[in-house]
Amino acid sequence: MLDPQETESQFEQRWWELMNEMRARFGKKPDMNALLLLIGVQELGQGAGPFTKEQKQDLMHIATCRLFSFSGFYELERVDEEGWPHYRLLQPLPFSNLKEQERMLKWHILEYFDSMDG
């Protein structure tokens, strides 16, 4: 959950711990695209693929929508006949730049993996 009391150093520490956990699990530190793909595959729930380039882009979009659903920007609208989730935008994303968007994504990625552990 977004914690307004969390300091920048606490946030960076949690991010560093997650990256170390991912490195231990997968043998290398994932970049943002790899994390989004991983979350998208998890949300799809059909195993690790193989996926086409277009499907990988769709999976990353699913992950982004899922992550931003934590803060009320998207909601799950339906799951289609092939099992792919579809999200509806509820309100425009408020980011003025990519750095803000990436920080919010990181925060929600931490939230996502925290919810998986609990």
Protein backbone atom coordinates (compact mmCIF):
# COMPACT_ATOMS: atom_id res chain seq x y z
CA MET A 1 0.00 0.00 0.00
CA LEU A 2 1.23 3.49 -0.74
CA ASP A 3 2.62 4.83 2.52
CA PRO A 4 3.00 8.61 2.65
CA GLN A 5 5.25 8.16 5.70
CA GLU A 6 7.75 6.01 3.78
CA THR A 7 10.99 7.84 3.15
CA GLU A 8 12.81 7.78 -0.16
CA SER A 9 15.54 5.63 1.38
CA GLN A 10 12.98 3.13 2.73
CA PHE A 11 11.36 2.95 -0.69
CA GLU A 12 14.73 2.42 -2.39
CA GLN A 13 15.61 -0.27 0.18
CA ARG A 14 12.39 -2.18 -0.51
CA TRP A 15 13.03 -1.90 -4.27
CA TRP A 16 16.63 -3.13 -3.84
CA GLU A 17 15.40 -6.12 -1.79
CA LEU A 18 12.85 -7.04 -4.47
CA MET A 19 15.50 -6.80 -7.20
CA ASN A 20 17.82 -9.05 -5.19
CA GLU A 21 14.99 -11.56 -4.73
CA MET A 22 14.28 -11.50 -8.49
CA ARG A 23 17.99 -11.89 -9.27
CA ALA A 24 18.14 -14.92 -6.96
CA ARG A 25 15.02 -16.43 -8.54
CA PHE A 26 15.82 -15.80 -12.21
CA GLY A 27 19.62 -15.52 -12.30
CA LYS A 28 19.67 -11.87 -13.38
CA LYS A 29 18.24 -8.55 -12.31
CA PRO A 30 15.10 -7.82 -14.34
CA ASP A 31 14.46 -4.45 -15.95
CA MET A 32 11.05 -2.76 -15.83
CA ASN A 33 9.87 -4.47 -19.03
CA ALA A 34 10.82 -7.91 -17.69
CA LEU A 35 8.93 -7.21 -14.44
CA LEU A 36 5.86 -6.07 -16.36
CA LEU A 37 6.02 -9.18 -18.55
CA LEU A 38 6.34 -11.39 -15.47
CA ILE A 39 3.31 -9.75 -13.83
CA GLY A 40 1.33 -9.97 -17.08
CA VAL A 41 2.06 -13.69 -17.38
CA GLN A 42 1.05 -14.14 -13.73
CA GLU A 43 -2.21 -12.25 -14.29
CA LEU A 44 -2.99 -14.25 -17.43
CA GLY A 45 -2.47 -17.46 -15.47
CA GLN A 46 -1.76 -19.70 -18.47
CA GLY A 47 1.90 -20.49 -17.88
CA ALA A 48 5.09 -19.06 -19.31
CA GLY A 49 4.31 -19.12 -23.01
CA PRO A 50 5.68 -19.12 -25.64
CA PHE A 51 4.24 -15.72 -26.56
CA THR A 52 4.52 -13.69 -29.74
CA LYS A 53 5.99 -10.20 -29.63
CA GLU A 54 2.45 -8.76 -29.83
CA GLN A 55 1.27 -11.00 -27.00
CA LYS A 56 4.23 -9.88 -24.88
CA GLN A 57 3.21 -6.27 -25.46
CA ASP A 58 -0.36 -7.17 -24.48
CA LEU A 59 0.92 -8.89 -21.33
CA MET A 60 2.90 -5.80 -20.36
CA HIS A 61 -0.24 -3.71 -20.91
CA ILE A 62 -2.24 -6.09 -18.69
CA ALA A 63 0.43 -5.72 -16.00
CA THR A 64 0.39 -1.93 -16.22
CA CYS A 65 -3.40 -1.84 -15.95
CA ARG A 66 -3.34 -4.30 -13.04
CA LEU A 67 -0.72 -2.25 -11.21
CA PHE A 68 -2.54 1.05 -11.74
CA SER A 69 -5.77 -0.60 -10.57
CA PHE A 70 -4.22 -0.44 -7.07
CA SER A 71 -4.61 3.34 -7.18
CA GLY A 72 -8.01 3.34 -8.89
CA PHE A 73 -7.01 4.32 -12.43
CA TYR A 74 -8.13 1.04 -14.01
CA GLU A 75 -10.57 -1.71 -13.15
CA LEU A 76 -10.93 -5.21 -14.53
CA GLU A 77 -13.77 -5.05 -17.04
CA ARG A 78 -13.90 -8.66 -18.23
CA VAL A 79 -11.93 -11.75 -19.10
CA ASP A 80 -12.39 -12.81 -22.72
CA GLU A 81 -13.10 -16.32 -24.00
CA GLU A 82 -9.35 -17.02 -24.30
CA GLY A 83 -8.77 -16.03 -20.67
CA TRP A 84 -7.18 -12.63 -21.34
CA PRO A 85 -8.14 -9.88 -18.88
CA HIS A 86 -9.39 -6.54 -20.23
CA TYR A 87 -9.24 -3.38 -18.14
CA ARG A 88 -11.22 -0.15 -18.33
CA LEU A 89 -9.58 3.22 -17.69
CA LEU A 90 -11.48 4.95 -14.90
CA GLN A 91 -9.55 8.21 -14.82
CA PRO A 92 -6.59 9.62 -16.73
CA LEU A 93 -3.16 8.90 -15.31
CA PRO A 94 -1.90 12.09 -13.62
CA PHE A 95 1.79 11.83 -14.43
CA SER A 96 3.54 14.83 -15.84
CA ASN A 97 6.67 12.86 -16.75
CA LEU A 98 8.05 9.36 -17.16
CA LYS A 99 10.03 9.55 -13.91
CA GLU A 100 6.81 10.03 -11.91
CA GLN A 101 5.12 7.20 -13.81
CA GLU A 102 8.07 4.87 -13.24
CA ARG A 103 8.12 5.65 -9.52
CA MET A 104 4.39 4.88 -9.24
CA LEU A 105 4.91 1.66 -11.20
CA LYS A 106 7.75 0.65 -8.88
CA TRP A 107 5.59 1.37 -5.85
CA HIS A 108 2.77 -0.74 -7.22
CA ILE A 109 5.17 -3.52 -8.24
CA LEU A 110 6.30 -3.66 -4.61
CA GLU A 111 2.65 -3.71 -3.55
CA TYR A 112 1.88 -6.45 -6.08
CA PHE A 113 4.65 -8.75 -4.86
CA ASP A 114 3.84 -7.97 -1.21
CA SER A 115 0.24 -9.09 -1.86
CA MET A 116 1.54 -12.33 -3.42
CA ASP A 117 3.57 -13.12 -0.28
CA GLY A 118 0.69 -12.54 2.11
